Amino acid sequence: TTAAFAGVDYASSYVFRGATVNDSAAIQPSMDTSILGVDIGAWASYDTGADTFEEVDLAIGYDVTEIAGVSVSVGLCEYIYAGEALGGTESDTEASIYLDYSIAGVDLSAALNKVIDGAMADYTILGASYGFDVSAGISGAISYEVGEADGVVLLNGVGTDVDGEVYSAVTISAETSLTDALDLGLAYTSISEGDSDGYVGEDDVLVVSIS
């Protein structure tokens, strides 16, 4: 039997790796499943301001091995933007290697993201997360993420060098089960800009999740 999981997020704005994609609220449905050990997922972002789906992502992933407590996995993601759906050509293909390790209740992670084809920069993202119980039936977590870019990205049709540009983000979240099959989550993220000017900006994002 193959299980499939689905959910939908409501985000006060859509921010991706520190950069604000749009200031208006976004509705972001997703679903994923696993077939023969391969994780398969789809995600989309609907811009309520523009009244359109501006992005659809298709991804696969595979858990490779575990070395000295470090879990190693790989992934491939195709980012398809609104221009593609409307007859344009904008899409990005990204390959990733993920490392995960837990110590003293803290989950540590590293993601090495390399663009195979497209306009996105390569990204190295490091993270740490600590989970705790808020009360009976409500779990919480606080996490920190820092990302560094390498390459040139297209901003408003102009190539912009973002080598070494860094963003950081702190997220506080809580989750509870409404039923045996339905979870409700709330997350607040505060993002700080790094060295970039106009690419990564300070922003605060509130996300309500139903899965």
Protein backbone atom coordinates (compact mmCIF):
# COMPACT_ATOMS: atom_id res chain seq x y z
CA THR A 1 0.00 0.00 0.00
CA THR A 2 1.33 3.43 -1.01
CA ALA A 3 0.34 6.38 1.17
CA ALA A 4 -0.02 9.91 -0.18
CA PHE A 5 0.03 13.06 1.92
CA ALA A 6 -1.47 16.42 0.99
CA GLY A 7 -1.65 19.84 2.57
CA VAL A 8 -2.09 23.54 1.94
CA ASP A 9 -0.29 26.57 3.39
CA TYR A 10 -1.52 30.14 3.59
CA ALA A 11 1.47 32.51 3.63
CA SER A 12 1.25 36.25 4.29
CA SER A 13 3.86 36.68 1.53
CA TYR A 14 5.97 34.33 -0.57
CA VAL A 15 9.64 34.41 0.37
CA PHE A 16 12.14 31.97 -1.15
CA ARG A 17 15.66 31.69 0.27
CA GLY A 18 15.51 35.15 1.77
CA ALA A 19 14.18 36.89 -1.35
CA THR A 20 10.59 38.18 -1.44
CA VAL A 21 8.95 36.72 -4.55
CA ASN A 22 5.71 38.64 -3.97
CA ASP A 23 4.35 40.77 -1.14
CA SER A 24 0.76 39.60 -1.49
CA ALA A 25 -0.55 36.51 0.28
CA ALA A 26 0.03 33.13 -1.30
CA ILE A 27 -1.91 29.86 -1.15
CA GLN A 28 0.51 26.94 -1.49
CA PRO A 29 -0.88 23.40 -1.92
CA SER A 30 1.41 20.36 -1.86
CA MET A 31 1.34 16.59 -1.96
CA ASP A 32 3.91 13.82 -1.72
CA THR A 33 4.22 10.05 -1.72
CA SER A 34 6.91 7.37 -1.75
CA ILE A 35 7.24 4.65 -4.38
CA LEU A 36 9.91 1.94 -4.08
CA GLY A 37 11.92 4.12 -1.71
CA VAL A 38 11.77 7.19 -3.97
CA ASP A 39 10.00 10.25 -2.57
CA ILE A 40 7.87 12.10 -5.15
CA GLY A 41 6.31 15.47 -4.49
CA ALA A 42 4.57 18.45 -6.07
CA TRP A 43 4.17 22.00 -4.73
CA ALA A 44 2.58 25.15 -6.12
CA SER A 45 2.19 28.80 -5.16
CA TYR A 46 -0.94 30.79 -6.03
CA ASP A 47 -0.41 34.57 -5.88
CA THR A 48 -3.65 36.10 -4.56
CA GLY A 49 -2.54 39.56 -5.72
CA ALA A 50 -2.01 38.53 -9.35
CA ASP A 51 -4.79 35.90 -9.17
CA THR A 52 -2.61 33.21 -10.78
CA PHE A 53 -0.44 30.20 -10.05
CA GLU A 54 3.03 31.72 -10.37
CA GLU A 55 5.06 28.59 -9.66
CA VAL A 56 4.78 24.80 -9.76
CA ASP A 57 7.60 22.59 -8.44
CA LEU A 58 8.06 18.88 -9.15
CA ALA A 59 10.58 16.99 -7.01
CA ILE A 60 12.00 13.53 -6.36
CA GLY A 61 14.28 12.44 -3.53
CA TYR A 62 16.07 9.35 -2.28
CA ASP A 63 17.68 8.43 1.06
CA VAL A 64 21.15 7.21 0.10
CA THR A 65 22.82 6.09 3.32
CA GLU A 66 23.78 6.94 6.89
CA ILE A 67 27.42 7.51 7.88
CA ALA A 68 28.37 7.92 11.56
CA GLY A 69 24.86 9.11 12.35
CA VAL A 70 24.71 11.51 9.40
CA SER A 71 21.83 10.80 7.01
CA VAL A 72 22.66 11.43 3.35
CA SER A 73 19.97 11.97 0.72
CA VAL A 74 19.76 13.39 -2.78
CA GLY A 75 17.06 15.24 -4.66
CA LEU A 76 16.12 16.73 -8.00
CA CYS A 77 13.63 19.58 -8.39
CA GLU A 78 12.12 21.25 -11.46
CA TYR A 79 10.90 24.80 -10.78
CA ILE A 80 8.30 25.87 -13.36
CA TYR A 81 7.26 29.52 -13.31
CA ALA A 82 4.19 31.38 -14.58
CA GLY A 83 6.02 32.33 -17.76
CA GLU A 84 6.26 28.66 -18.64
CA ALA A 85 2.54 28.08 -18.20
CA LEU A 86 1.78 31.14 -20.30
CA GLY A 87 4.03 30.11 -23.17
CA GLY A 88 7.33 31.37 -21.78
CA THR A 89 10.52 29.39 -21.25
CA GLU A 90 11.45 30.10 -17.64
CA SER A 91 12.18 27.00 -15.60
CA ASP A 92 15.05 25.84 -13.41
CA THR A 93 16.39 22.36 -12.70
CA GLU A 94 18.24 21.91 -9.41
CA ALA A 95 20.10 18.91 -7.96
CA SER A 96 20.67 18.71 -4.21
CA ILE A 97 22.58 16.77 -1.58
CA TYR A 98 21.18 16.82 1.96
CA LEU A 99 22.99 15.99 5.21
CA ASP A 100 21.11 15.58 8.51
CA TYR A 101 22.39 14.89 12.01
CA SER A 102 20.85 15.04 15.50
CA ILE A 103 22.69 15.73 18.75
CA ALA A 104 21.31 16.55 22.21
CA GLY A 105 17.83 17.11 20.81
CA VAL A 106 19.00 19.55 18.13
CA ASP A 107 18.54 18.64 14.47
CA LEU A 108 21.36 19.93 12.24
CA SER A 109 21.12 20.07 8.45
CA ALA A 110 23.07 21.10 5.38
CA ALA A 111 21.80 21.38 1.81
CA LEU A 112 24.06 21.77 -1.20
CA ASN A 113 21.94 22.96 -4.14
CA LYS A 114 23.41 23.03 -7.65
CA VAL A 115 21.49 24.42 -10.63
CA ILE A 116 21.82 22.12 -13.65
CA ASP A 117 19.85 24.36 -15.97
CA GLY A 118 18.18 27.73 -15.39
CA ALA A 119 18.61 31.22 -13.95
CA MET A 120 18.83 30.48 -10.22
CA ALA A 121 22.07 30.71 -8.28
CA ASP A 122 23.60 27.74 -6.49
CA TYR A 123 22.87 27.74 -2.76
CA THR A 124 24.44 26.29 0.37
CA ILE A 125 21.96 26.28 3.25
CA LEU A 126 22.78 25.38 6.87
CA GLY A 127 20.12 24.92 9.52
CA ALA A 128 19.47 23.96 13.14
CA SER A 129 16.16 23.14 14.80
CA TYR A 130 15.01 22.29 18.31
CA GLY A 131 11.60 20.81 19.07
CA PHE A 132 9.69 21.00 22.36
CA ASP A 133 6.20 20.51 23.80
CA VAL A 134 4.16 23.68 24.25
CA SER A 135 1.35 21.87 26.06
CA ALA A 136 -0.55 18.62 25.85
CA GLY A 137 -1.30 18.02 22.17
CA ILE A 138 0.70 21.03 20.91
CA SER A 139 4.32 20.68 19.78
CA GLY A 140 6.62 23.61 19.07
CA ALA A 141 9.96 24.25 17.41
CA ILE A 142 12.47 27.02 16.95
CA SER A 143 14.86 26.92 14.02
CA TYR A 144 17.64 28.94 12.45
CA GLU A 145 18.72 28.93 8.81
CA VAL A 146 21.51 30.68 6.93
CA GLY A 147 21.98 30.57 3.17
CA GLU A 148 24.80 31.62 0.87
CA ALA A 149 24.43 32.05 -2.88
CA ASP A 150 26.96 31.46 -5.64
CA GLY A 151 26.35 32.67 -9.17
CA VAL A 152 24.25 35.07 -11.21
CA VAL A 153 20.46 35.32 -11.08
CA LEU A 154 18.01 37.11 -13.34
CA LEU A 155 16.23 39.98 -11.60
CA ASN A 156 13.70 41.82 -13.74
CA GLY A 157 15.47 40.48 -16.82
CA VAL A 158 18.90 41.69 -15.67
CA GLY A 159 21.70 39.36 -14.62
CA THR A 160 22.76 40.11 -11.03
CA ASP A 161 25.86 38.67 -9.38
CA VAL A 162 24.94 37.30 -5.94
CA ASP A 163 28.21 35.54 -5.07
CA GLY A 164 28.58 35.31 -1.31
CA GLU A 165 25.26 37.00 -0.60
CA VAL A 166 23.85 35.67 2.66
CA TYR A 167 20.48 35.66 4.36
CA SER A 168 19.48 34.31 7.75
CA ALA A 169 16.09 33.38 9.13
CA VAL A 170 14.62 32.48 12.53
CA THR A 171 11.36 30.53 12.64
CA ILE A 172 9.07 29.80 15.60
CA SER A 173 6.36 27.25 14.91
CA ALA A 174 3.64 25.22 16.61
CA GLU A 175 1.56 22.25 15.45
CA THR A 176 -1.41 20.30 16.73
CA SER A 177 -3.63 17.46 15.50
CA LEU A 178 -7.24 18.34 14.78
CA THR A 179 -8.14 14.73 13.94
CA ASP A 180 -6.25 11.48 13.36
CA ALA A 181 -5.71 12.55 9.74
CA LEU A 182 -5.62 16.35 9.95
CA ASP A 183 -2.88 18.59 11.42
CA LEU A 184 -2.87 22.36 11.91
CA GLY A 185 0.35 24.35 12.03
CA LEU A 186 1.38 27.97 12.56
CA ALA A 187 4.84 29.38 11.80
CA TYR A 188 6.36 32.85 12.02
CA THR A 189 9.65 33.57 10.23
CA SER A 190 11.82 36.66 10.55
CA ILE A 191 14.34 37.05 7.73
CA SER A 192 17.43 39.26 7.82
CA GLU A 193 19.29 40.46 4.77
CA GLY A 194 22.95 39.75 4.17
CA ASP A 195 25.37 41.60 1.94
CA SER A 196 23.01 41.90 -1.03
CA ASP A 197 21.24 45.07 -2.13
CA GLY A 198 17.73 44.59 -3.47
CA TYR A 199 17.89 40.80 -3.80
CA VAL A 200 17.50 39.55 -0.24
CA GLY A 201 15.54 41.92 1.95
CA GLU A 202 14.27 41.87 5.50
CA ASP A 203 10.82 40.37 5.74
CA ASP A 204 8.45 38.70 8.17
CA VAL A 205 6.26 35.82 7.03
CA LEU A 206 3.31 34.16 8.79
CA VAL A 207 2.26 30.73 7.50
CA VAL A 208 -0.85 28.76 8.48
CA SER A 209 -0.64 25.10 7.42
CA ILE A 210 -3.29 22.40 7.11
CA SER A 211 -2.06 18.92 6.27
